[in-house]
Amino acid sequence: MARQGFIKHRHRSDGLYVCTETYVYRSHRYEQTVVVYEGTVRDGASGAVDIESDSWWVHDQLCADGAWNSGEPVSAWEAATVLRDILQSEGRWFRAFYWRLSTFFFGCKRAKENGWFKAN
């Protein structure tokens, strides 16, 4: 069955977002899973306009953990590509292109510590 809507969340008065349901994302490209747990707090699309999207939730989780749910390290390129894959699946083709590049170059420090293109 197709998923309806985006990750459920609420916007706090301090500008942060709280996930109100556990969400599991499966990357078919990398055959890995990312879990965003209920209660997770994130700042939204860092450095960009916040949009209703699963992309920044999953990308932020990868960046916070520095790893897939399996514990295998994630590289900066993999994290940025997952963000792009989700945005493309939501029909946001142009945003998928430039958010992938900007998050690759300017974001996700933990993933970069694992390696830019291939996790160590």
PDB file of N, CA and C in Angstrom:
ATOM      1  N   MET A   1       0.849  -1.181   0.000  1.00  0.00           N
ATOM      2  CA  MET A   1       0.000   0.000   0.000  1.00  0.00           C
ATOM      3  C   MET A   1       0.890   1.237   0.000  1.00  0.00           C
ATOM      4  N   ALA A   2       0.528   2.224  -0.775  1.00  0.00           N
ATOM      5  CA  ALA A   2       1.306   3.471  -0.862  1.00  0.00           C
ATOM      6  C   ALA A   2       1.154   4.269   0.426  1.00  0.00           C
ATOM      7  N   ARG A   3       2.219   4.894   0.810  1.00  0.00           N
ATOM      8  CA  ARG A   3       2.223   5.730   2.012  1.00  0.00           C
ATOM      9  C   ARG A   3       1.485   7.032   1.734  1.00  0.00           C
ATOM     10  N   GLN A   4       0.698   7.476   2.693  1.00  0.00           N
ATOM     11  CA  GLN A   4      -0.061   8.711   2.562  1.00  0.00           C
ATOM     12  C   GLN A   4       0.562   9.788   3.437  1.00  0.00           C
ATOM     13  N   GLY A   5       0.960  10.911   2.843  1.00  0.00           N
ATOM     14  CA  GLY A   5       1.495  12.031   3.615  1.00  0.00           C
ATOM     15  C   GLY A   5       2.953  11.851   3.979  1.00  0.00           C
ATOM     16  N   PHE A   6       3.402  12.724   4.850  1.00  0.00           N
ATOM     17  CA  PHE A   6       4.802  12.755   5.253  1.00  0.00           C
ATOM     18  C   PHE A   6       4.928  12.333   6.715  1.00  0.00           C
ATOM     19  N   ILE A   7       6.165  12.262   7.188  1.00  0.00           N
ATOM     20  CA  ILE A   7       6.415  11.905   8.583  1.00  0.00           C
ATOM     21  C   ILE A   7       5.605  12.843   9.481  1.00  0.00           C
ATOM     22  N   LYS A   8       4.876  12.254  10.393  1.00  0.00           N
ATOM     23  CA  LYS A   8       4.049  13.058  11.296  1.00  0.00           C
ATOM     24  C   LYS A   8       4.955  13.728  12.331  1.00  0.00           C
ATOM     25  N   HIS A   9       4.678  15.006  12.555  1.00  0.00           N
ATOM     26  CA  HIS A   9       5.503  15.783  13.472  1.00  0.00           C
ATOM     27  C   HIS A   9       4.703  16.974  13.981  1.00  0.00           C
ATOM     28  N   ARG A  10       5.277  17.626  14.990  1.00  0.00           N
ATOM     29  CA  ARG A  10       4.712  18.902  15.444  1.00  0.00           C
ATOM     30  C   ARG A  10       5.839  19.919  15.493  1.00  0.00           C
ATOM     31  N   HIS A  11       5.484  21.161  15.286  1.00  0.00           N
ATOM     32  CA  HIS A  11       6.440  22.263  15.273  1.00  0.00           C
ATOM     33  C   HIS A  11       6.423  22.897  16.653  1.00  0.00           C
ATOM     34  N   ARG A  12       7.578  22.907  17.323  1.00  0.00           N
ATOM     35  CA  ARG A  12       7.661  23.485  18.654  1.00  0.00           C
ATOM     36  C   ARG A  12       7.803  25.002  18.567  1.00  0.00           C
ATOM     37  N   SER A  13       7.545  25.661  19.676  1.00  0.00           N
ATOM     38  CA  SER A  13       7.626  27.124  19.720  1.00  0.00           C
ATOM     39  C   SER A  13       9.053  27.633  19.542  1.00  0.00           C
ATOM     40  N   ASP A  14      10.051  26.790  19.788  1.00  0.00           N
ATOM     41  CA  ASP A  14      11.451  27.200  19.618  1.00  0.00           C
ATOM     42  C   ASP A  14      11.951  26.992  18.185  1.00  0.00           C
ATOM     43  N   GLY A  15      11.040  26.597  17.278  1.00  0.00           N
ATOM     44  CA  GLY A  15      11.394  26.422  15.871  1.00  0.00           C
ATOM     45  C   GLY A  15      11.819  25.019  15.492  1.00  0.00           C
ATOM     46  N   LEU A  16      11.994  24.140  16.474  1.00  0.00           N
ATOM     47  CA  LEU A  16      12.390  22.768  16.184  1.00  0.00           C
ATOM     48  C   LEU A  16      11.154  21.908  15.902  1.00  0.00           C
ATOM     49  N   TYR A  17      11.390  20.737  15.329  1.00  0.00           N
ATOM     50  CA  TYR A  17      10.329  19.795  14.999  1.00  0.00           C
ATOM     51  C   TYR A  17      10.501  18.521  15.815  1.00  0.00           C
ATOM     52  N   VAL A  18       9.372  17.943  16.250  1.00  0.00           N
ATOM     53  CA  VAL A  18       9.380  16.690  16.995  1.00  0.00           C
ATOM     54  C   VAL A  18       8.623  15.650  16.186  1.00  0.00           C
ATOM     55  N   CYS A  19       9.272  14.521  15.916  1.00  0.00           N
ATOM     56  CA  CYS A  19       8.630  13.419  15.210  1.00  0.00           C
ATOM     57  C   CYS A  19       7.606  12.777  16.155  1.00  0.00           C
ATOM     58  N   THR A  20       6.377  12.591  15.673  1.00  0.00           N
ATOM     59  CA  THR A  20       5.323  12.042  16.530  1.00  0.00           C
ATOM     60  C   THR A  20       4.944  10.606  16.160  1.00  0.00           C
ATOM     61  N   GLU A  21       5.728   9.990  15.285  1.00  0.00           N
ATOM     62  CA  GLU A  21       5.545   8.572  14.972  1.00  0.00           C
ATOM     63  C   GLU A  21       6.891   8.014  14.521  1.00  0.00           C
ATOM     64  N   THR A  22       7.155   6.775  14.825  1.00  0.00           N
ATOM     65  CA  THR A  22       8.374   6.141  14.336  1.00  0.00           C
ATOM     66  C   THR A  22       8.207   5.875  12.846  1.00  0.00           C
ATOM     67  N   TYR A  23       9.245   6.221  12.086  1.00  0.00           N
ATOM     68  CA  TYR A  23       9.216   6.088  10.632  1.00  0.00           C
ATOM     69  C   TYR A  23      10.426   5.274  10.182  1.00  0.00           C
ATOM     70  N   VAL A  24      10.191   4.289   9.334  1.00  0.00           N
ATOM     71  CA  VAL A  24      11.256   3.448   8.805  1.00  0.00           C
ATOM     72  C   VAL A  24      11.387   3.715   7.312  1.00  0.00           C
ATOM     73  N   TYR A  25      12.597   4.100   6.901  1.00  0.00           N
ATOM     74  CA  TYR A  25      12.890   4.325   5.484  1.00  0.00           C
ATOM     75  C   TYR A  25      13.831   3.227   5.008  1.00  0.00           C
ATOM     76  N   ARG A  26      13.491   2.635   3.886  1.00  0.00           N
ATOM     77  CA  ARG A  26      14.334   1.597   3.281  1.00  0.00           C
ATOM     78  C   ARG A  26      14.927   2.146   1.993  1.00  0.00           C
ATOM     79  N   SER A  27      16.247   2.229   1.929  1.00  0.00           N
ATOM     80  CA  SER A  27      16.932   2.655   0.713  1.00  0.00           C
ATOM     81  C   SER A  27      17.119   1.437  -0.181  1.00  0.00           C
ATOM     82  N   HIS A  28      16.427   1.448  -1.311  1.00  0.00           N
ATOM     83  CA  HIS A  28      16.585   0.345  -2.258  1.00  0.00           C
ATOM     84  C   HIS A  28      17.931   0.440  -2.974  1.00  0.00           C
ATOM     85  N   ARG A  29      18.428   1.654  -3.110  1.00  0.00           N
ATOM     86  CA  ARG A  29      19.738   1.857  -3.750  1.00  0.00           C
ATOM     87  C   ARG A  29      20.852   1.197  -2.925  1.00  0.00           C
ATOM     88  N   TYR A  30      20.841   1.420  -1.611  1.00  0.00           N
ATOM     89  CA  TYR A  30      21.911   0.919  -0.746  1.00  0.00           C
ATOM     90  C   TYR A  30      21.512  -0.325   0.048  1.00  0.00           C
ATOM     91  N   GLU A  31      20.264  -0.743  -0.083  1.00  0.00           N
ATOM     92  CA  GLU A  31      19.745  -1.903   0.646  1.00  0.00           C
ATOM     93  C   GLU A  31      20.018  -1.775   2.144  1.00  0.00           C
ATOM     94  N   GLN A  32      19.689  -0.585   2.657  1.00  0.00           N
ATOM     95  CA  GLN A  32      19.885  -0.270   4.071  1.00  0.00           C
ATOM     96  C   GLN A  32      18.639   0.432   4.602  1.00  0.00           C
ATOM     97  N   THR A  33      18.520   0.465   5.919  1.00  0.00           N
ATOM     98  CA  THR A  33      17.364   1.051   6.584  1.00  0.00           C
ATOM     99  C   THR A  33      17.804   2.201   7.487  1.00  0.00           C
ATOM    100  N   VAL A  34      16.927   3.215   7.580  1.00  0.00           N
ATOM    101  CA  VAL A  34      17.104   4.338   8.501  1.00  0.00           C
ATOM    102  C   VAL A  34      15.818   4.439   9.310  1.00  0.00           C
ATOM    103  N   VAL A  35      15.932   4.552  10.627  1.00  0.00           N
ATOM    104  CA  VAL A  35      14.754   4.683  11.481  1.00  0.00           C
ATOM    105  C   VAL A  35      14.786   6.046  12.153  1.00  0.00           C
ATOM    106  N   VAL A  36      13.692   6.791  11.999  1.00  0.00           N
ATOM    107  CA  VAL A  36      13.490   8.048  12.720  1.00  0.00           C
ATOM    108  C   VAL A  36      12.477   7.726  13.815  1.00  0.00           C
ATOM    109  N   TYR A  37      12.913   7.764  15.052  1.00  0.00           N
ATOM    110  CA  TYR A  37      12.059   7.336  16.163  1.00  0.00           C
ATOM    111  C   TYR A  37      11.146   8.450  16.647  1.00  0.00           C
ATOM    112  N   GLU A  38       9.985   8.043  17.114  1.00  0.00           N
ATOM    113  CA  GLU A  38       9.068   8.982  17.756  1.00  0.00           C
ATOM    114  C   GLU A  38       9.820   9.706  18.866  1.00  0.00           C
ATOM    115  N   GLY A  39       9.644  11.025  18.937  1.00  0.00           N
ATOM    116  CA  GLY A  39      10.315  11.837  19.939  1.00  0.00           C
ATOM    117  C   GLY A  39      11.603  12.473  19.441  1.00  0.00           C
ATOM    118  N   THR A  40      12.072  12.060  18.257  1.00  0.00           N
ATOM    119  CA  THR A  40      13.282  12.654  17.682  1.00  0.00           C
ATOM    120  C   THR A  40      13.038  14.133  17.407  1.00  0.00           C
ATOM    121  N   VAL A  41      14.019  14.970  17.770  1.00  0.00           N
ATOM    122  CA  VAL A  41      13.907  16.419  17.572  1.00  0.00           C
ATOM    123  C   VAL A  41      14.923  16.838  16.514  1.00  0.00           C
ATOM    124  N   ARG A  42      14.464  17.608  15.530  1.00  0.00           N
ATOM    125  CA  ARG A  42      15.327  18.085  14.450  1.00  0.00           C
ATOM    126  C   ARG A  42      15.011  19.547  14.155  1.00  0.00           C
ATOM    127  N   ASP A  43      15.936  20.202  13.433  1.00  0.00           N
ATOM    128  CA  ASP A  43      15.773  21.625  13.107  1.00  0.00           C
ATOM    129  C   ASP A  43      15.161  21.874  11.738  1.00  0.00           C
ATOM    130  N   GLY A  44      14.811  20.827  11.017  1.00  0.00           N
ATOM    131  CA  GLY A  44      14.226  21.011   9.690  1.00  0.00           C
ATOM    132  C   GLY A  44      15.302  21.030   8.626  1.00  0.00           C
ATOM    133  N   ALA A  45      15.010  21.688   7.538  1.00  0.00           N
ATOM    134  CA  ALA A  45      15.936  21.767   6.411  1.00  0.00           C
ATOM    135  C   ALA A  45      16.983  22.838   6.706  1.00  0.00           C
ATOM    136  N   SER A  46      18.070  22.455   7.329  1.00  0.00           N
ATOM    137  CA  SER A  46      19.114  23.400   7.753  1.00  0.00           C
ATOM    138  C   SER A  46      19.609  24.239   6.583  1.00  0.00           C
ATOM    139  N   GLY A  47      19.554  25.555   6.742  1.00  0.00           N
ATOM    140  CA  GLY A  47      20.051  26.461   5.712  1.00  0.00           C
ATOM    141  C   GLY A  47      19.130  26.638   4.523  1.00  0.00           C
ATOM    142  N   ALA A  48      17.944  26.051   4.579  1.00  0.00           N
ATOM    143  CA  ALA A  48      16.977  26.165   3.474  1.00  0.00           C
ATOM    144  C   ALA A  48      15.587  26.367   4.060  1.00  0.00           C
ATOM    145  N   VAL A  49      14.643  26.655   3.216  1.00  0.00           N
ATOM    146  CA  VAL A  49      13.253  26.803   3.645  1.00  0.00           C
ATOM    147  C   VAL A  49      12.714  25.428   4.016  1.00  0.00           C
ATOM    148  N   ASP A  50      12.114  25.308   5.192  1.00  0.00           N
ATOM    149  CA  ASP A  50      11.528  24.036   5.599  1.00  0.00           C
ATOM    150  C   ASP A  50      10.337  23.700   4.707  1.00  0.00           C
ATOM    151  N   ILE A  51      10.288  22.440   4.274  1.00  0.00           N
ATOM    152  CA  ILE A  51       9.185  21.951   3.446  1.00  0.00           C
ATOM    153  C   ILE A  51       8.643  20.679   4.075  1.00  0.00           C
ATOM    154  N   GLU A  52       7.420  20.333   3.725  1.00  0.00           N
ATOM    155  CA  GLU A  52       6.868  19.042   4.132  1.00  0.00           C
ATOM    156  C   GLU A  52       7.560  17.986   3.287  1.00  0.00           C
ATOM    157  N   SER A  53       8.422  17.199   3.918  1.00  0.00           N
ATOM    158  CA  SER A  53       9.198  16.198   3.208  1.00  0.00           C
ATOM    159  C   SER A  53       9.777  15.205   4.201  1.00  0.00           C
ATOM    160  N   ASP A  54       9.922  13.972   3.757  1.00  0.00           N
ATOM    161  CA  ASP A  54      10.613  12.975   4.569  1.00  0.00           C
ATOM    162  C   ASP A  54      12.129  13.101   4.418  1.00  0.00           C
ATOM    163  N   SER A  55      12.557  13.821   3.395  1.00  0.00           N
ATOM    164  CA  SER A  55      13.978  13.859   3.032  1.00  0.00           C
ATOM    165  C   SER A  55      14.868  14.372   4.155  1.00  0.00           C
ATOM    166  N   TRP A  56      14.521  15.523   4.731  1.00  0.00           N
ATOM    167  CA  TRP A  56      15.411  16.080   5.745  1.00  0.00           C
ATOM    168  C   TRP A  56      15.363  15.281   7.034  1.00  0.00           C
ATOM    169  N   TRP A  57      14.248  14.636   7.361  1.00  0.00           N
ATOM    170  CA  TRP A  57      14.189  13.779   8.548  1.00  0.00           C
ATOM    171  C   TRP A  57      15.174  12.622   8.416  1.00  0.00           C
ATOM    172  N   VAL A  58      15.113  11.937   7.277  1.00  0.00           N
ATOM    173  CA  VAL A  58      15.969  10.764   7.068  1.00  0.00           C
ATOM    174  C   VAL A  58      17.433  11.189   6.966  1.00  0.00           C
ATOM    175  N   HIS A  59      17.696  12.256   6.211  1.00  0.00           N
ATOM    176  CA  HIS A  59      19.065  12.749   6.068  1.00  0.00           C
ATOM    177  C   HIS A  59      19.627  13.168   7.423  1.00  0.00           C
ATOM    178  N   ASP A  60      18.858  13.901   8.205  1.00  0.00           N
ATOM    179  CA  ASP A  60      19.324  14.330   9.527  1.00  0.00           C
ATOM    180  C   ASP A  60      19.602  13.134  10.443  1.00  0.00           C
ATOM    181  N   GLN A  61      18.790  12.079  10.322  1.00  0.00           N
ATOM    182  CA  GLN A  61      19.025  10.888  11.144  1.00  0.00           C
ATOM    183  C   GLN A  61      20.334  10.220  10.744  1.00  0.00           C
ATOM    184  N   LEU A  62      20.563  10.100   9.429  1.00  0.00           N
ATOM    185  CA  LEU A  62      21.836   9.539   8.958  1.00  0.00           C
ATOM    186  C   LEU A  62      23.017  10.365   9.465  1.00  0.00           C
ATOM    187  N   CYS A  63      22.860  11.677   9.427  1.00  0.00           N
ATOM    188  CA  CYS A  63      23.949  12.563   9.856  1.00  0.00           C
ATOM    189  C   CYS A  63      24.161  12.500  11.365  1.00  0.00           C
ATOM    190  N   ALA A  64      23.093  12.388  12.120  1.00  0.00           N
ATOM    191  CA  ALA A  64      23.207  12.318  13.584  1.00  0.00           C
ATOM    192  C   ALA A  64      23.863  11.004  14.014  1.00  0.00           C
ATOM    193  N   ASP A  65      23.481   9.909  13.367  1.00  0.00           N
ATOM    194  CA  ASP A  65      24.011   8.597  13.732  1.00  0.00           C
ATOM    195  C   ASP A  65      25.362   8.319  13.075  1.00  0.00           C
ATOM    196  N   GLY A  66      25.567   8.884  11.876  1.00  0.00           N
ATOM    197  CA  GLY A  66      26.769   8.567  11.112  1.00  0.00           C
ATOM    198  C   GLY A  66      26.755   7.150  10.587  1.00  0.00           C
ATOM    199  N   ALA A  67      25.569   6.519  10.640  1.00  0.00           N
ATOM    200  CA  ALA A  67      25.472   5.114  10.254  1.00  0.00           C
ATOM    201  C   ALA A  67      24.042   4.769   9.853  1.00  0.00           C
ATOM    202  N   TRP A  68      23.940   3.679   9.122  1.00  0.00           N
ATOM    203  CA  TRP A  68      22.635   3.092   8.819  1.00  0.00           C
ATOM    204  C   TRP A  68      22.126   2.424  10.084  1.00  0.00           C
ATOM    205  N   ASN A  69      20.887   2.006  10.079  1.00  0.00           N
ATOM    206  CA  ASN A  69      20.312   1.344  11.249  1.00  0.00           C
ATOM    207  C   ASN A  69      21.065   0.052  11.585  1.00  0.00           C
ATOM    208  N   SER A  70      21.686  -0.555  10.579  1.00  0.00           N
ATOM    209  CA  SER A  70      22.461  -1.783  10.785  1.00  0.00           C
ATOM    210  C   SER A  70      23.756  -1.533  11.567  1.00  0.00           C
ATOM    211  N   GLY A  71      24.142  -0.245  11.690  1.00  0.00           N
ATOM    212  CA  GLY A  71      25.399   0.103  12.332  1.00  0.00           C
ATOM    213  C   GLY A  71      26.525   0.324  11.339  1.00  0.00           C
ATOM    214  N   GLU A  72      26.291  -0.015  10.078  1.00  0.00           N
ATOM    215  CA  GLU A  72      27.311   0.202   9.049  1.00  0.00           C
ATOM    216  C   GLU A  72      27.469   1.701   8.799  1.00  0.00           C
ATOM    217  N   PRO A  73      28.707   2.209   8.786  1.00  0.00           N
ATOM    218  CA  PRO A  73      28.914   3.650   8.570  1.00  0.00           C
ATOM    219  C   PRO A  73      28.355   4.123   7.234  1.00  0.00           C
ATOM    220  N   VAL A  74      27.885   5.362   7.212  1.00  0.00           N
ATOM    221  CA  VAL A  74      27.362   5.974   5.993  1.00  0.00           C
ATOM    222  C   VAL A  74      28.335   7.072   5.558  1.00  0.00           C
ATOM    223  N   SER A  75      28.565   7.193   4.265  1.00  0.00           N
ATOM    224  CA  SER A  75      29.438   8.258   3.744  1.00  0.00           C
ATOM    225  C   SER A  75      28.610   9.511   3.475  1.00  0.00           C
ATOM    226  N   ALA A  76      29.293  10.626   3.283  1.00  0.00           N
ATOM    227  CA  ALA A  76      28.616  11.885   2.965  1.00  0.00           C
ATOM    228  C   ALA A  76      27.845  11.770   1.651  1.00  0.00           C
ATOM    229  N   TRP A  77      28.429  11.108   0.655  1.00  0.00           N
ATOM    230  CA  TRP A  77      27.767  10.946  -0.643  1.00  0.00           C
ATOM    231  C   TRP A  77      26.514  10.082  -0.513  1.00  0.00           C
ATOM    232  N   GLU A  78      26.585   9.011   0.261  1.00  0.00           N
ATOM    233  CA  GLU A  78      25.417   8.149   0.459  1.00  0.00           C
ATOM    234  C   GLU A  78      24.282   8.920   1.141  1.00  0.00           C
ATOM    235  N   ALA A  79      24.611   9.678   2.183  1.00  0.00           N
ATOM    236  CA  ALA A  79      23.581  10.452   2.896  1.00  0.00           C
ATOM    237  C   ALA A  79      22.938  11.481   1.970  1.00  0.00           C
ATOM    238  N   ALA A  80      23.750  12.164   1.174  1.00  0.00           N
ATOM    239  CA  ALA A  80      23.225  13.163   0.239  1.00  0.00           C
ATOM    240  C   ALA A  80      22.400  12.506  -0.862  1.00  0.00           C
ATOM    241  N   THR A  81      22.789  11.320  -1.281  1.00  0.00           N
ATOM    242  CA  THR A  81      22.059  10.608  -2.333  1.00  0.00           C
ATOM    243  C   THR A  81      20.720  10.107  -1.825  1.00  0.00           C
ATOM    244  N   VAL A  82      20.657   9.663  -0.577  1.00  0.00           N
ATOM    245  CA  VAL A  82      19.379   9.258   0.011  1.00  0.00           C
ATOM    246  C   VAL A  82      18.423  10.455   0.051  1.00  0.00           C
ATOM    247  N   LEU A  83      18.927  11.611   0.461  1.00  0.00           N
ATOM    248  CA  LEU A  83      18.118  12.826   0.459  1.00  0.00           C
ATOM    249  C   LEU A  83      17.564  13.089  -0.951  1.00  0.00           C
ATOM    250  N   ARG A  84      18.436  12.986  -1.954  1.00  0.00           N
ATOM    251  CA  ARG A  84      18.010  13.195  -3.342  1.00  0.00           C
ATOM    252  C   ARG A  84      16.960  12.163  -3.765  1.00  0.00           C
ATOM    253  N   ASP A  85      17.184  10.906  -3.441  1.00  0.00           N
ATOM    254  CA  ASP A  85      16.236   9.855  -3.826  1.00  0.00           C
ATOM    255  C   ASP A  85      14.843  10.128  -3.263  1.00  0.00           C
ATOM    256  N   ILE A  86      14.789  10.556  -2.007  1.00  0.00           N
ATOM    257  CA  ILE A  86      13.485  10.840  -1.389  1.00  0.00           C
ATOM    258  C   ILE A  86      12.829  12.040  -2.057  1.00  0.00           C
ATOM    259  N   LEU A  87      13.597  13.115  -2.263  1.00  0.00           N
ATOM    260  CA  LEU A  87      13.032  14.300  -2.920  1.00  0.00           C
ATOM    261  C   LEU A  87      12.522  13.965  -4.317  1.00  0.00           C
ATOM    262  N   GLN A  88      13.257  13.158  -5.061  1.00  0.00           N
ATOM    263  CA  GLN A  88      12.794  12.767  -6.392  1.00  0.00           C
ATOM    264  C   GLN A  88      11.507  11.954  -6.304  1.00  0.00           C
ATOM    265  N   SER A  89      11.415  11.070  -5.324  1.00  0.00           N
ATOM    266  CA  SER A  89      10.196  10.268  -5.169  1.00  0.00           C
ATOM    267  C   SER A  89       8.996  11.140  -4.808  1.00  0.00           C
ATOM    268  N   GLU A  90       9.263  12.317  -4.237  1.00  0.00           N
ATOM    269  CA  GLU A  90       8.195  13.270  -3.899  1.00  0.00           C
ATOM    270  C   GLU A  90       7.904  14.216  -5.059  1.00  0.00           C
ATOM    271  N   GLY A  91       8.626  14.053  -6.182  1.00  0.00           N
ATOM    272  CA  GLY A  91       8.401  14.896  -7.350  1.00  0.00           C
ATOM    273  C   GLY A  91       9.134  16.224  -7.310  1.00  0.00           C
ATOM    274  N   ARG A  92      10.129  16.335  -6.473  1.00  0.00           N
ATOM    275  CA  ARG A  92      10.883  17.591  -6.320  1.00  0.00           C
ATOM    276  C   ARG A  92      12.248  17.455  -7.004  1.00  0.00           C
ATOM    277  N   TRP A  93      12.237  17.431  -8.316  1.00  0.00           N
ATOM    278  CA  TRP A  93      13.424  17.124  -9.110  1.00  0.00           C
ATOM    279  C   TRP A  93      14.517  18.185  -8.982  1.00  0.00           C
ATOM    280  N   PHE A  94      14.175  19.455  -9.107  1.00  0.00           N
ATOM    281  CA  PHE A  94      15.192  20.503  -9.034  1.00  0.00           C
ATOM    282  C   PHE A  94      15.778  20.584  -7.628  1.00  0.00           C
ATOM    283  N   ARG A  95      14.913  20.563  -6.628  1.00  0.00           N
ATOM    284  CA  ARG A  95      15.379  20.606  -5.244  1.00  0.00           C
ATOM    285  C   ARG A  95      16.256  19.393  -4.947  1.00  0.00           C
ATOM    286  N   ALA A  96      15.933  18.254  -5.517  1.00  0.00           N
ATOM    287  CA  ALA A  96      16.738  17.044  -5.317  1.00  0.00           C
ATOM    288  C   ALA A  96      18.166  17.259  -5.791  1.00  0.00           C
ATOM    289  N   PHE A  97      18.320  17.959  -6.901  1.00  0.00           N
ATOM    290  CA  PHE A  97      19.638  18.226  -7.461  1.00  0.00           C
ATOM    291  C   PHE A  97      20.460  19.151  -6.553  1.00  0.00           C
ATOM    292  N   TYR A  98      19.889  20.309  -6.209  1.00  0.00           N
ATOM    293  CA  TYR A  98      20.723  21.264  -5.466  1.00  0.00           C
ATOM    294  C   TYR A  98      20.819  20.943  -3.975  1.00  0.00           C
ATOM    295  N   TRP A  99      19.816  20.311  -3.369  1.00  0.00           N
ATOM    296  CA  TRP A  99      19.959  19.921  -1.970  1.00  0.00           C
ATOM    297  C   TRP A  99      20.997  18.809  -1.824  1.00  0.00           C
ATOM    298  N   ARG A 100      21.054  17.910  -2.791  1.00  0.00           N
ATOM    299  CA  ARG A 100      22.061  16.845  -2.726  1.00  0.00           C
ATOM    300  C   ARG A 100      23.465  17.458  -2.691  1.00  0.00           C
ATOM    301  N   LEU A 101      23.716  18.380  -3.598  1.00  0.00           N
ATOM    302  CA  LEU A 101      25.046  18.996  -3.664  1.00  0.00           C
ATOM    303  C   LEU A 101      25.350  19.831  -2.427  1.00  0.00           C
ATOM    304  N   SER A 102      24.386  20.620  -1.975  1.00  0.00           N
ATOM    305  CA  SER A 102      24.652  21.491  -0.822  1.00  0.00           C
ATOM    306  C   SER A 102      24.836  20.678   0.455  1.00  0.00           C
ATOM    307  N   THR A 103      24.056  19.608   0.643  1.00  0.00           N
ATOM    308  CA  THR A 103      24.249  18.800   1.849  1.00  0.00           C
ATOM    309  C   THR A 103      25.551  18.010   1.771  1.00  0.00           C
ATOM    310  N   PHE A 104      25.937  17.612   0.566  1.00  0.00           N
ATOM    311  CA  PHE A 104      27.202  16.898   0.411  1.00  0.00           C
ATOM    312  C   PHE A 104      28.386  17.792   0.779  1.00  0.00           C
ATOM    313  N   PHE A 105      28.392  19.017   0.270  1.00  0.00           N
ATOM    314  CA  PHE A 105      29.527  19.902   0.503  1.00  0.00           C
ATOM    315  C   PHE A 105      29.507  20.585   1.869  1.00  0.00           C
ATOM    316  N   PHE A 106      28.321  20.920   2.377  1.00  0.00           N
ATOM    317  CA  PHE A 106      28.249  21.772   3.567  1.00  0.00           C
ATOM    318  C   PHE A 106      27.644  21.115   4.801  1.00  0.00           C
ATOM    319  N   GLY A 107      27.108  19.916   4.689  1.00  0.00           N
ATOM    320  CA  GLY A 107      26.418  19.317   5.825  1.00  0.00           C
ATOM    321  C   GLY A 107      26.992  17.972   6.222  1.00  0.00           C
ATOM    322  N   CYS A 108      26.350  17.372   7.161  1.00  0.00           N
ATOM    323  CA  CYS A 108      26.569  15.974   7.544  1.00  0.00           C
ATOM    324  C   CYS A 108      28.015  15.679   7.969  1.00  0.00           C
ATOM    325  N   LYS A 109      28.474  16.339   9.001  1.00  0.00           N
ATOM    326  CA  LYS A 109      29.864  16.196   9.440  1.00  0.00           C
ATOM    327  C   LYS A 109      30.225  14.770   9.875  1.00  0.00           C
ATOM    328  N   ARG A 110      29.304  14.104  10.550  1.00  0.00           N
ATOM    329  CA  ARG A 110      29.615  12.731  11.007  1.00  0.00           C
ATOM    330  C   ARG A 110      29.819  11.788   9.835  1.00  0.00           C
ATOM    331  N   ALA A 111      29.002  11.933   8.805  1.00  0.00           N
ATOM    332  CA  ALA A 111      29.174  11.079   7.624  1.00  0.00           C
ATOM    333  C   ALA A 111      30.491  11.397   6.922  1.00  0.00           C
ATOM    334  N   LYS A 112      30.870  12.672   6.885  1.00  0.00           N
ATOM    335  CA  LYS A 112      32.154  13.045   6.268  1.00  0.00           C
ATOM    336  C   LYS A 112      33.323  12.427   7.028  1.00  0.00           C
ATOM    337  N   GLU A 113      33.185  12.306   8.339  1.00  0.00           N
ATOM    338  CA  GLU A 113      34.236  11.662   9.127  1.00  0.00           C
ATOM    339  C   GLU A 113      34.406  10.200   8.719  1.00  0.00           C
ATOM    340  N   ASN A 114      33.317   9.597   8.237  1.00  0.00           N
ATOM    341  CA  ASN A 114      33.366   8.200   7.758  1.00  0.00           C
ATOM    342  C   ASN A 114      33.995   8.103   6.375  1.00  0.00           C
ATOM    343  N   GLY A 115      33.969   9.196   5.631  1.00  0.00           N
ATOM    344  CA  GLY A 115      34.491   9.225   4.266  1.00  0.00           C
ATOM    345  C   GLY A 115      33.568  10.024   3.371  1.00  0.00           C
ATOM    346  N   TRP A 116      34.139  10.726   2.422  1.00  0.00           N
ATOM    347  CA  TRP A 116      33.324  11.542   1.518  1.00  0.00           C
ATOM    348  C   TRP A 116      32.482  10.674   0.578  1.00  0.00           C
ATOM    349  N   PHE A 117      33.098   9.671  -0.011  1.00  0.00           N
ATOM    350  CA  PHE A 117      32.378   8.843  -0.994  1.00  0.00           C
ATOM    351  C   PHE A 117      32.165   7.403  -0.538  1.00  0.00           C
ATOM    352  N   LYS A 118      33.073   6.879   0.213  1.00  0.00           N
ATOM    353  CA  LYS A 118      32.946   5.514   0.706  1.00  0.00           C
ATOM    354  C   LYS A 118      33.255   5.531   2.198  1.00  0.00           C
ATOM    355  N   ALA A 119      32.348   4.943   2.969  1.00  0.00           N
ATOM    356  CA  ALA A 119      32.542   4.910   4.429  1.00  0.00           C
ATOM    357  C   ALA A 119      33.701   3.977   4.774  1.00  0.00           C
ATOM    358  N   ASN A 120      34.489   4.407   5.738  1.00  0.00           N
ATOM    359  CA  ASN A 120      35.660   3.615   6.178  1.00  0.00           C
ATOM    360  C   ASN A 120      35.243   2.428   7.009  1.00  0.00           C
TER     361      ASN A 120
END
